[in-house]
């Protein structure tokens, strides 16, 4: 599972940053995931060129360049952040119980 984020990665979810909200939801649902940081910020105009040049993989997966995007192990892309949060809440990671007997 890969979470594509901006340079904020998994920070600032508590103040509403989309990448942080997505990471927080995955953490709360018990997932381990790889973070892939991509260039550029939507609200910072001087980075827009970086967004267009550095997000080809996201464009290919989703048809758009906005982050975050969650790529599931089976190849399905979930986006934007609100959909990632909904997905994580609906699919909590099954923890295997240790021990038994």
PDB file of N, CA and C in Angstrom:
ATOM      1  N   UNK A   1       0.852  -1.158   0.000  1.00  0.00           N
ATOM      2  CA  UNK A   1       0.000   0.000   0.000  1.00  0.00           C
ATOM      3  C   UNK A   1       0.907   1.232   0.000  1.00  0.00           C
ATOM      4  N   UNK A   2       0.593   2.177  -0.869  1.00  0.00           N
ATOM      5  CA  UNK A   2       1.403   3.385  -1.017  1.00  0.00           C
ATOM      6  C   UNK A   2       0.497   4.596  -0.854  1.00  0.00           C
ATOM      7  N   UNK A   3       0.931   5.540  -0.011  1.00  0.00           N
ATOM      8  CA  UNK A   3       0.242   6.816   0.119  1.00  0.00           C
ATOM      9  C   UNK A   3       1.115   7.878  -0.546  1.00  0.00           C
ATOM     10  N   UNK A   4       0.626   8.403  -1.640  1.00  0.00           N
ATOM     11  CA  UNK A   4       1.320   9.491  -2.335  1.00  0.00           C
ATOM     12  C   UNK A   4       0.907  10.799  -1.673  1.00  0.00           C
ATOM     13  N   UNK A   5       1.906  11.582  -1.247  1.00  0.00           N
ATOM     14  CA  UNK A   5       1.639  12.826  -0.537  1.00  0.00           C
ATOM     15  C   UNK A   5       2.526  13.946  -1.067  1.00  0.00           C
ATOM     16  N   UNK A   6       2.209  15.152  -0.630  1.00  0.00           N
ATOM     17  CA  UNK A   6       3.099  16.283  -0.875  1.00  0.00           C
ATOM     18  C   UNK A   6       4.188  16.234   0.188  1.00  0.00           C
ATOM     19  N   UNK A   7       4.990  17.247   0.286  1.00  0.00           N
ATOM     20  CA  UNK A   7       6.097  17.256   1.243  1.00  0.00           C
ATOM     21  C   UNK A   7       5.616  17.258   2.689  1.00  0.00           C
ATOM     22  N   UNK A   8       4.338  17.521   2.927  1.00  0.00           N
ATOM     23  CA  UNK A   8       3.810  17.462   4.294  1.00  0.00           C
ATOM     24  C   UNK A   8       3.698  16.028   4.773  1.00  0.00           C
ATOM     25  N   UNK A   9       3.719  15.091   3.855  1.00  0.00           N
ATOM     26  CA  UNK A   9       3.658  13.658   4.139  1.00  0.00           C
ATOM     27  C   UNK A   9       2.528  13.328   5.095  1.00  0.00           C
ATOM     28  N   UNK A  10       2.861  12.973   6.326  1.00  0.00           N
ATOM     29  CA  UNK A  10       1.825  12.561   7.272  1.00  0.00           C
ATOM     30  C   UNK A  10       1.676  13.563   8.410  1.00  0.00           C
ATOM     31  N   UNK A  11       1.997  14.818   8.145  1.00  0.00           N
ATOM     32  CA  UNK A  11       1.944  15.850   9.178  1.00  0.00           C
ATOM     33  C   UNK A  11       0.693  16.707   9.021  1.00  0.00           C
ATOM     34  N   UNK A  12       0.353  17.394  10.054  1.00  0.00           N
ATOM     35  CA  UNK A  12      -0.677  18.445  10.054  1.00  0.00           C
ATOM     36  C   UNK A  12      -2.086  17.947   9.786  1.00  0.00           C
ATOM     37  N   UNK A  13      -2.362  16.674   9.999  1.00  0.00           N
ATOM     38  CA  UNK A  13      -3.725  16.177   9.850  1.00  0.00           C
ATOM     39  C   UNK A  13      -4.679  16.850  10.816  1.00  0.00           C
ATOM     40  N   UNK A  14      -4.160  17.211  12.006  1.00  0.00           N
ATOM     41  CA  UNK A  14      -5.021  17.821  13.020  1.00  0.00           C
ATOM     42  C   UNK A  14      -5.495  19.214  12.620  1.00  0.00           C
ATOM     43  N   UNK A  15      -4.782  19.867  11.700  1.00  0.00           N
ATOM     44  CA  UNK A  15      -5.227  21.191  11.257  1.00  0.00           C
ATOM     45  C   UNK A  15      -5.885  21.131   9.888  1.00  0.00           C
ATOM     46  N   UNK A  16      -6.124  19.932   9.417  1.00  0.00           N
ATOM     47  CA  UNK A  16      -6.895  19.773   8.201  1.00  0.00           C
ATOM     48  C   UNK A  16      -6.115  19.604   6.918  1.00  0.00           C
ATOM     49  N   UNK A  17      -4.799  19.407   6.983  1.00  0.00           N
ATOM     50  CA  UNK A  17      -4.048  19.189   5.752  1.00  0.00           C
ATOM     51  C   UNK A  17      -4.474  17.847   5.158  1.00  0.00           C
ATOM     52  N   UNK A  18      -4.853  17.810   3.874  1.00  0.00           N
ATOM     53  CA  UNK A  18      -5.374  16.576   3.277  1.00  0.00           C
ATOM     54  C   UNK A  18      -4.433  15.380   3.388  1.00  0.00           C
ATOM     55  N   UNK A  19      -3.138  15.574   3.165  1.00  0.00           N
ATOM     56  CA  UNK A  19      -2.202  14.449   3.240  1.00  0.00           C
ATOM     57  C   UNK A  19      -2.119  13.919   4.669  1.00  0.00           C
ATOM     58  N   UNK A  20      -2.123  14.817   5.643  1.00  0.00           N
ATOM     59  CA  UNK A  20      -2.096  14.412   7.045  1.00  0.00           C
ATOM     60  C   UNK A  20      -3.369  13.700   7.466  1.00  0.00           C
ATOM     61  N   UNK A  21      -4.522  14.187   6.986  1.00  0.00           N
ATOM     62  CA  UNK A  21      -5.792  13.531   7.308  1.00  0.00           C
ATOM     63  C   UNK A  21      -5.812  12.103   6.779  1.00  0.00           C
ATOM     64  N   UNK A  22      -5.325  11.920   5.555  1.00  0.00           N
ATOM     65  CA  UNK A  22      -5.293  10.577   4.964  1.00  0.00           C
ATOM     66  C   UNK A  22      -4.369   9.663   5.767  1.00  0.00           C
ATOM     67  N   UNK A  23      -3.191  10.153   6.115  1.00  0.00           N
ATOM     68  CA  UNK A  23      -2.238   9.351   6.892  1.00  0.00           C
ATOM     69  C   UNK A  23      -2.808   9.021   8.266  1.00  0.00           C
ATOM     70  N   UNK A  24      -3.437   9.996   8.924  1.00  0.00           N
ATOM     71  CA  UNK A  24      -4.034   9.751  10.237  1.00  0.00           C
ATOM     72  C   UNK A  24      -5.091   8.654  10.161  1.00  0.00           C
ATOM     73  N   UNK A  25      -5.921   8.684   9.122  1.00  0.00           N
ATOM     74  CA  UNK A  25      -6.971   7.676   8.972  1.00  0.00           C
ATOM     75  C   UNK A  25      -6.377   6.286   8.778  1.00  0.00           C
ATOM     76  N   UNK A  26      -5.315   6.178   7.987  1.00  0.00           N
ATOM     77  CA  UNK A  26      -4.658   4.882   7.788  1.00  0.00           C
ATOM     78  C   UNK A  26      -4.013   4.396   9.076  1.00  0.00           C
ATOM     79  N   UNK A  27      -3.384   5.317   9.806  1.00  0.00           N
ATOM     80  CA  UNK A  27      -2.783   4.961  11.091  1.00  0.00           C
ATOM     81  C   UNK A  27      -3.856   4.463  12.060  1.00  0.00           C
ATOM     82  N   UNK A  28      -4.970   5.207  12.155  1.00  0.00           N
ATOM     83  CA  UNK A  28      -6.052   4.839  13.071  1.00  0.00           C
ATOM     84  C   UNK A  28      -6.653   3.483  12.713  1.00  0.00           C
ATOM     85  N   UNK A  29      -6.650   3.144  11.423  1.00  0.00           N
ATOM     86  CA  UNK A  29      -7.197   1.863  10.977  1.00  0.00           C
ATOM     87  C   UNK A  29      -6.182   0.724  11.098  1.00  0.00           C
ATOM     88  N   UNK A  30      -4.953   1.031  11.528  1.00  0.00           N
ATOM     89  CA  UNK A  30      -3.962  -0.006  11.788  1.00  0.00           C
ATOM     90  C   UNK A  30      -3.109  -0.426  10.613  1.00  0.00           C
ATOM     91  N   UNK A  31      -3.025   0.404   9.586  1.00  0.00           N
ATOM     92  CA  UNK A  31      -2.257   0.044   8.397  1.00  0.00           C
ATOM     93  C   UNK A  31      -0.808   0.493   8.483  1.00  0.00           C
ATOM     94  N   UNK A  32       0.061  -0.298   7.875  1.00  0.00           N
ATOM     95  CA  UNK A  32       1.427   0.110   7.572  1.00  0.00           C
ATOM     96  C   UNK A  32       1.445   0.402   6.083  1.00  0.00           C
ATOM     97  N   UNK A  33       2.116   1.459   5.672  1.00  0.00           N
ATOM     98  CA  UNK A  33       2.103   1.871   4.275  1.00  0.00           C
ATOM     99  C   UNK A  33       3.383   2.624   3.959  1.00  0.00           C
ATOM    100  N   UNK A  34       3.701   2.622   2.701  1.00  0.00           N
ATOM    101  CA  UNK A  34       4.854   3.378   2.209  1.00  0.00           C
ATOM    102  C   UNK A  34       4.374   4.786   1.859  1.00  0.00           C
ATOM    103  N   UNK A  35       5.180   5.787   2.178  1.00  0.00           N
ATOM    104  CA  UNK A  35       4.873   7.158   1.771  1.00  0.00           C
ATOM    105  C   UNK A  35       5.785   7.515   0.607  1.00  0.00           C
ATOM    106  N   UNK A  36       5.183   7.997  -0.469  1.00  0.00           N
ATOM    107  CA  UNK A  36       5.954   8.531  -1.596  1.00  0.00           C
ATOM    108  C   UNK A  36       5.636  10.008  -1.723  1.00  0.00           C
ATOM    109  N   UNK A  37       6.641  10.808  -1.471  1.00  0.00           N
ATOM    110  CA  UNK A  37       6.501  12.260  -1.514  1.00  0.00           C
ATOM    111  C   UNK A  37       6.702  12.753  -2.942  1.00  0.00           C
ATOM    112  N   UNK A  38       5.755  13.540  -3.417  1.00  0.00           N
ATOM    113  CA  UNK A  38       5.832  14.112  -4.757  1.00  0.00           C
ATOM    114  C   UNK A  38       5.934  15.626  -4.665  1.00  0.00           C
ATOM    115  N   UNK A  39       6.517  16.274  -5.674  1.00  0.00           N
ATOM    116  CA  UNK A  39       6.780  17.708  -5.597  1.00  0.00           C
ATOM    117  C   UNK A  39       5.535  18.561  -5.806  1.00  0.00           C
ATOM    118  N   UNK A  40       5.640  19.798  -5.311  1.00  0.00           N
ATOM    119  CA  UNK A  40       4.621  20.807  -5.579  1.00  0.00           C
ATOM    120  C   UNK A  40       3.488  20.824  -4.582  1.00  0.00           C
ATOM    121  N   UNK A  41       2.898  22.010  -4.438  1.00  0.00           N
ATOM    122  CA  UNK A  41       1.756  22.235  -3.562  1.00  0.00           C
ATOM    123  C   UNK A  41       0.661  22.925  -4.347  1.00  0.00           C
ATOM    124  N   UNK A  42      -0.581  22.540  -4.124  1.00  0.00           N
ATOM    125  CA  UNK A  42      -1.707  23.136  -4.836  1.00  0.00           C
ATOM    126  C   UNK A  42      -1.863  24.619  -4.524  1.00  0.00           C
ATOM    127  N   UNK A  43      -1.634  25.036  -3.299  1.00  0.00           N
ATOM    128  CA  UNK A  43      -1.883  26.413  -2.896  1.00  0.00           C
ATOM    129  C   UNK A  43      -0.654  27.311  -2.976  1.00  0.00           C
ATOM    130  N   UNK A  44       0.431  26.807  -3.525  1.00  0.00           N
ATOM    131  CA  UNK A  44       1.658  27.599  -3.654  1.00  0.00           C
ATOM    132  C   UNK A  44       1.990  27.703  -5.139  1.00  0.00           C
ATOM    133  N   UNK A  45       1.573  28.806  -5.777  1.00  0.00           N
ATOM    134  CA  UNK A  45       1.677  28.918  -7.238  1.00  0.00           C
ATOM    135  C   UNK A  45       3.071  28.687  -7.813  1.00  0.00           C
ATOM    136  N   UNK A  46       4.127  29.068  -7.107  1.00  0.00           N
ATOM    137  CA  UNK A  46       5.467  28.915  -7.674  1.00  0.00           C
ATOM    138  C   UNK A  46       5.915  27.456  -7.724  1.00  0.00           C
ATOM    139  N   UNK A  47       5.130  26.532  -7.183  1.00  0.00           N
ATOM    140  CA  UNK A  47       5.472  25.110  -7.284  1.00  0.00           C
ATOM    141  C   UNK A  47       4.616  24.376  -8.317  1.00  0.00           C
ATOM    142  N   UNK A  48       3.732  25.073  -8.994  1.00  0.00           N
ATOM    143  CA  UNK A  48       2.822  24.414  -9.929  1.00  0.00           C
ATOM    144  C   UNK A  48       3.565  23.708 -11.063  1.00  0.00           C
ATOM    145  N   UNK A  49       4.676  24.276 -11.533  1.00  0.00           N
ATOM    146  CA  UNK A  49       5.467  23.606 -12.569  1.00  0.00           C
ATOM    147  C   UNK A  49       5.985  22.267 -12.093  1.00  0.00           C
ATOM    148  N   UNK A  50       6.429  22.211 -10.826  1.00  0.00           N
ATOM    149  CA  UNK A  50       6.890  20.955 -10.246  1.00  0.00           C
ATOM    150  C   UNK A  50       5.755  19.936 -10.183  1.00  0.00           C
ATOM    151  N   UNK A  51       4.550  20.417  -9.863  1.00  0.00           N
ATOM    152  CA  UNK A  51       3.392  19.507  -9.779  1.00  0.00           C
ATOM    153  C   UNK A  51       3.144  18.860 -11.130  1.00  0.00           C
ATOM    154  N   UNK A  52       3.176  19.659 -12.176  1.00  0.00           N
ATOM    155  CA  UNK A  52       2.896  19.119 -13.512  1.00  0.00           C
ATOM    156  C   UNK A  52       3.975  18.142 -13.952  1.00  0.00           C
ATOM    157  N   UNK A  53       5.227  18.429 -13.625  1.00  0.00           N
ATOM    158  CA  UNK A  53       6.324  17.589 -14.090  1.00  0.00           C
ATOM    159  C   UNK A  53       6.545  16.359 -13.222  1.00  0.00           C
ATOM    160  N   UNK A  54       6.220  16.425 -11.938  1.00  0.00           N
ATOM    161  CA  UNK A  54       6.579  15.351 -11.026  1.00  0.00           C
ATOM    162  C   UNK A  54       5.477  14.392 -10.671  1.00  0.00           C
ATOM    163  N   UNK A  55       4.316  14.530 -11.305  1.00  0.00           N
ATOM    164  CA  UNK A  55       3.189  13.694 -10.887  1.00  0.00           C
ATOM    165  C   UNK A  55       2.610  12.864 -12.022  1.00  0.00           C
ATOM    166  N   UNK A  56       3.480  12.449 -12.940  1.00  0.00           N
ATOM    167  CA  UNK A  56       3.021  11.634 -14.070  1.00  0.00           C
ATOM    168  C   UNK A  56       2.386  10.328 -13.615  1.00  0.00           C
ATOM    169  N   UNK A  57       2.966   9.703 -12.596  1.00  0.00           N
ATOM    170  CA  UNK A  57       2.428   8.428 -12.110  1.00  0.00           C
ATOM    171  C   UNK A  57       1.009   8.612 -11.557  1.00  0.00           C
ATOM    172  N   UNK A  58       0.787   9.705 -10.837  1.00  0.00           N
ATOM    173  CA  UNK A  58      -0.543  10.000 -10.293  1.00  0.00           C
ATOM    174  C   UNK A  58      -1.525  10.274 -11.424  1.00  0.00           C
ATOM    175  N   UNK A  59      -1.081  11.027 -12.413  1.00  0.00           N
ATOM    176  CA  UNK A  59      -1.938  11.334 -13.569  1.00  0.00           C
ATOM    177  C   UNK A  59      -2.348  10.041 -14.271  1.00  0.00           C
ATOM    178  N   UNK A  60      -1.400   9.113 -14.412  1.00  0.00           N
ATOM    179  CA  UNK A  60      -1.687   7.839 -15.064  1.00  0.00           C
ATOM    180  C   UNK A  60      -2.671   6.998 -14.242  1.00  0.00           C
ATOM    181  N   UNK A  61      -2.523   7.022 -12.918  1.00  0.00           N
ATOM    182  CA  UNK A  61      -3.387   6.235 -12.040  1.00  0.00           C
ATOM    183  C   UNK A  61      -4.798   6.798 -11.923  1.00  0.00           C
ATOM    184  N   UNK A  62      -4.898   8.151 -11.902  1.00  0.00           N
ATOM    185  CA  UNK A  62      -6.174   8.770 -11.520  1.00  0.00           C
ATOM    186  C   UNK A  62      -6.752   9.732 -12.554  1.00  0.00           C
ATOM    187  N   UNK A  63      -5.946  10.177 -13.516  1.00  0.00           N
ATOM    188  CA  UNK A  63      -6.423  11.166 -14.478  1.00  0.00           C
ATOM    189  C   UNK A  63      -6.337  12.584 -13.971  1.00  0.00           C
ATOM    190  N   UNK A  64      -5.762  12.786 -12.797  1.00  0.00           N
ATOM    191  CA  UNK A  64      -5.600  14.118 -12.209  1.00  0.00           C
ATOM    192  C   UNK A  64      -4.265  14.153 -11.454  1.00  0.00           C
ATOM    193  N   UNK A  65      -3.885  15.317 -10.905  1.00  0.00           N
ATOM    194  CA  UNK A  65      -2.565  15.415 -10.269  1.00  0.00           C
ATOM    195  C   UNK A  65      -2.616  15.798  -8.792  1.00  0.00           C
ATOM    196  N   UNK A  66      -3.790  15.844  -8.200  1.00  0.00           N
ATOM    197  CA  UNK A  66      -3.906  16.263  -6.806  1.00  0.00           C
ATOM    198  C   UNK A  66      -3.575  15.129  -5.852  1.00  0.00           C
ATOM    199  N   UNK A  67      -3.079  15.499  -4.688  1.00  0.00           N
ATOM    200  CA  UNK A  67      -2.721  14.554  -3.635  1.00  0.00           C
ATOM    201  C   UNK A  67      -3.593  14.824  -2.422  1.00  0.00           C
ATOM    202  N   UNK A  68      -3.731  13.841  -1.564  1.00  0.00           N
ATOM    203  CA  UNK A  68      -3.118  12.528  -1.540  1.00  0.00           C
ATOM    204  C   UNK A  68      -3.863  11.522  -2.415  1.00  0.00           C
ATOM    205  N   UNK A  69      -3.142  10.453  -2.733  1.00  0.00           N
ATOM    206  CA  UNK A  69      -3.705   9.300  -3.439  1.00  0.00           C
ATOM    207  C   UNK A  69      -3.191   8.060  -2.723  1.00  0.00           C
ATOM    208  N   UNK A  70      -4.104   7.150  -2.428  1.00  0.00           N
ATOM    209  CA  UNK A  70      -3.746   5.877  -1.821  1.00  0.00           C
ATOM    210  C   UNK A  70      -3.816   4.806  -2.896  1.00  0.00           C
ATOM    211  N   UNK A  71      -2.713   4.109  -3.110  1.00  0.00           N
ATOM    212  CA  UNK A  71      -2.678   3.001  -4.049  1.00  0.00           C
ATOM    213  C   UNK A  71      -2.719   1.710  -3.246  1.00  0.00           C
ATOM    214  N   UNK A  72      -3.822   0.983  -3.391  1.00  0.00           N
ATOM    215  CA  UNK A  72      -3.984  -0.275  -2.670  1.00  0.00           C
ATOM    216  C   UNK A  72      -3.129  -1.360  -3.298  1.00  0.00           C
ATOM    217  N   UNK A  73      -2.863  -2.405  -2.537  1.00  0.00           N
ATOM    218  CA  UNK A  73      -2.007  -3.493  -3.016  1.00  0.00           C
ATOM    219  C   UNK A  73      -2.541  -4.139  -4.286  1.00  0.00           C
ATOM    220  N   UNK A  74      -3.862  -4.155  -4.464  1.00  0.00           N
ATOM    221  CA  UNK A  74      -4.430  -4.770  -5.668  1.00  0.00           C
ATOM    222  C   UNK A  74      -4.457  -3.824  -6.860  1.00  0.00           C
ATOM    223  N   UNK A  75      -3.905  -2.600  -6.683  1.00  0.00           N
ATOM    224  CA  UNK A  75      -3.776  -1.679  -7.803  1.00  0.00           C
ATOM    225  C   UNK A  75      -4.847  -0.611  -7.908  1.00  0.00           C
ATOM    226  N   UNK A  76      -5.853  -0.644  -7.053  1.00  0.00           N
ATOM    227  CA  UNK A  76      -6.911   0.373  -7.074  1.00  0.00           C
ATOM    228  C   UNK A  76      -6.417   1.646  -6.399  1.00  0.00           C
ATOM    229  N   UNK A  77      -6.721   2.797  -7.004  1.00  0.00           N
ATOM    230  CA  UNK A  77      -6.364   4.091  -6.429  1.00  0.00           C
ATOM    231  C   UNK A  77      -7.575   4.683  -5.719  1.00  0.00           C
ATOM    232  N   UNK A  78      -7.361   5.178  -4.499  1.00  0.00           N
ATOM    233  CA  UNK A  78      -8.407   5.833  -3.717  1.00  0.00           C
ATOM    234  C   UNK A  78      -7.984   7.278  -3.514  1.00  0.00           C
ATOM    235  N   UNK A  79      -8.871   8.216  -3.832  1.00  0.00           N
ATOM    236  CA  UNK A  79      -8.608   9.642  -3.703  1.00  0.00           C
ATOM    237  C   UNK A  79      -9.921  10.386  -3.814  1.00  0.00           C
ATOM    238  N   UNK A  80     -10.018  11.604  -3.381  1.00  0.00           N
ATOM    239  CA  UNK A  80      -9.102  12.443  -2.603  1.00  0.00           C
ATOM    240  C   UNK A  80      -9.096  12.039  -1.124  1.00  0.00           C
ATOM    241  N   UNK A  81      -8.611  12.927  -0.269  1.00  0.00           N
ATOM    242  CA  UNK A  81      -8.408  12.584   1.133  1.00  0.00           C
ATOM    243  C   UNK A  81      -9.687  12.113   1.818  1.00  0.00           C
ATOM    244  N   UNK A  82     -10.811  12.734   1.535  1.00  0.00           N
ATOM    245  CA  UNK A  82     -12.071  12.317   2.154  1.00  0.00           C
ATOM    246  C   UNK A  82     -12.429  10.884   1.821  1.00  0.00           C
ATOM    247  N   UNK A  83     -12.159  10.464   0.597  1.00  0.00           N
ATOM    248  CA  UNK A  83     -12.418   9.079   0.188  1.00  0.00           C
ATOM    249  C   UNK A  83     -11.441   8.122   0.850  1.00  0.00           C
ATOM    250  N   UNK A  84     -10.195   8.568   1.040  1.00  0.00           N
ATOM    251  CA  UNK A  84      -9.208   7.729   1.742  1.00  0.00           C
ATOM    252  C   UNK A  84      -9.655   7.521   3.182  1.00  0.00           C
ATOM    253  N   UNK A  85     -10.123   8.582   3.836  1.00  0.00           N
ATOM    254  CA  UNK A  85     -10.612   8.477   5.218  1.00  0.00           C
ATOM    255  C   UNK A  85     -11.794   7.512   5.279  1.00  0.00           C
ATOM    256  N   UNK A  86     -12.751   7.656   4.360  1.00  0.00           N
ATOM    257  CA  UNK A  86     -13.911   6.754   4.328  1.00  0.00           C
ATOM    258  C   UNK A  86     -13.469   5.302   4.114  1.00  0.00           C
ATOM    259  N   UNK A  87     -12.540   5.098   3.184  1.00  0.00           N
ATOM    260  CA  UNK A  87     -12.062   3.749   2.895  1.00  0.00           C
ATOM    261  C   UNK A  87     -11.412   3.137   4.139  1.00  0.00           C
ATOM    262  N   UNK A  88     -10.557   3.911   4.809  1.00  0.00           N
ATOM    263  CA  UNK A  88      -9.854   3.399   5.990  1.00  0.00           C
ATOM    264  C   UNK A  88     -10.836   3.029   7.101  1.00  0.00           C
ATOM    265  N   UNK A  89     -11.856   3.854   7.303  1.00  0.00           N
ATOM    266  CA  UNK A  89     -12.853   3.560   8.338  1.00  0.00           C
ATOM    267  C   UNK A  89     -13.677   2.322   7.982  1.00  0.00           C
ATOM    268  N   UNK A  90     -13.963   2.137   6.708  1.00  0.00           N
ATOM    269  CA  UNK A  90     -14.767   0.997   6.261  1.00  0.00           C
ATOM    270  C   UNK A  90     -13.964  -0.301   6.176  1.00  0.00           C
ATOM    271  N   UNK A  91     -12.634  -0.201   6.136  1.00  0.00           N
ATOM    272  CA  UNK A  91     -11.771  -1.377   5.973  1.00  0.00           C
ATOM    273  C   UNK A  91     -10.654  -1.385   7.017  1.00  0.00           C
ATOM    274  N   UNK A  92     -10.985  -1.475   8.302  1.00  0.00           N
ATOM    275  CA  UNK A  92      -9.911  -1.519   9.298  1.00  0.00           C
ATOM    276  C   UNK A  92      -9.024  -2.734   9.070  1.00  0.00           C
ATOM    277  N   UNK A  93      -7.747  -2.538   9.298  1.00  0.00           N
ATOM    278  CA  UNK A  93      -6.781  -3.627   9.093  1.00  0.00           C
ATOM    279  C   UNK A  93      -7.035  -4.718  10.118  1.00  0.00           C
ATOM    280  N   UNK A  94      -7.170  -5.940   9.655  1.00  0.00           N
ATOM    281  CA  UNK A  94      -7.411  -7.080  10.544  1.00  0.00           C
ATOM    282  C   UNK A  94      -6.115  -7.430  11.247  1.00  0.00           C
ATOM    283  N   UNK A  95      -6.104  -7.290  12.532  1.00  0.00           N
ATOM    284  CA  UNK A  95      -4.935  -7.633  13.334  1.00  0.00           C
ATOM    285  C   UNK A  95      -4.988  -9.125  13.646  1.00  0.00           C
ATOM    286  N   UNK A  96      -3.898  -9.829  13.397  1.00  0.00           N
ATOM    287  CA  UNK A  96      -3.852 -11.247  13.749  1.00  0.00           C
ATOM    288  C   UNK A  96      -3.570 -11.367  15.224  1.00  0.00           C
ATOM    289  N   UNK A  97      -4.329 -12.199  15.875  1.00  0.00           N
ATOM    290  CA  UNK A  97      -4.130 -12.385  17.305  1.00  0.00           C
ATOM    291  C   UNK A  97      -2.905 -13.244  17.550  1.00  0.00           C
ATOM    292  N   UNK A  98      -2.142 -12.839  18.545  1.00  0.00           N
ATOM    293  CA  UNK A  98      -0.941 -13.583  18.919  1.00  0.00           C
ATOM    294  C   UNK A  98      -1.316 -14.560  20.025  1.00  0.00           C
ATOM    295  N   UNK A  99      -0.757 -15.710  19.953  1.00  0.00           N
ATOM    296  CA  UNK A  99      -1.075 -16.718  20.955  1.00  0.00           C
ATOM    297  C   UNK A  99      -2.222 -17.586  20.494  1.00  0.00           C
ATOM    298  N   UNK A 100      -2.954 -18.058  21.336  1.00  0.00           N
ATOM    299  CA  UNK A 100      -4.083 -18.904  20.951  1.00  0.00           C
ATOM    300  C   UNK A 100      -4.195 -20.046  21.938  1.00  0.00           C
ATOM    301  N   UNK A 101      -4.812 -21.058  21.503  1.00  0.00           N
ATOM    302  CA  UNK A 101      -4.796 -22.191  22.366  1.00  0.00           C
ATOM    303  C   UNK A 101      -6.068 -22.637  22.787  1.00  0.00           C
TER     304      UNK A 101
END
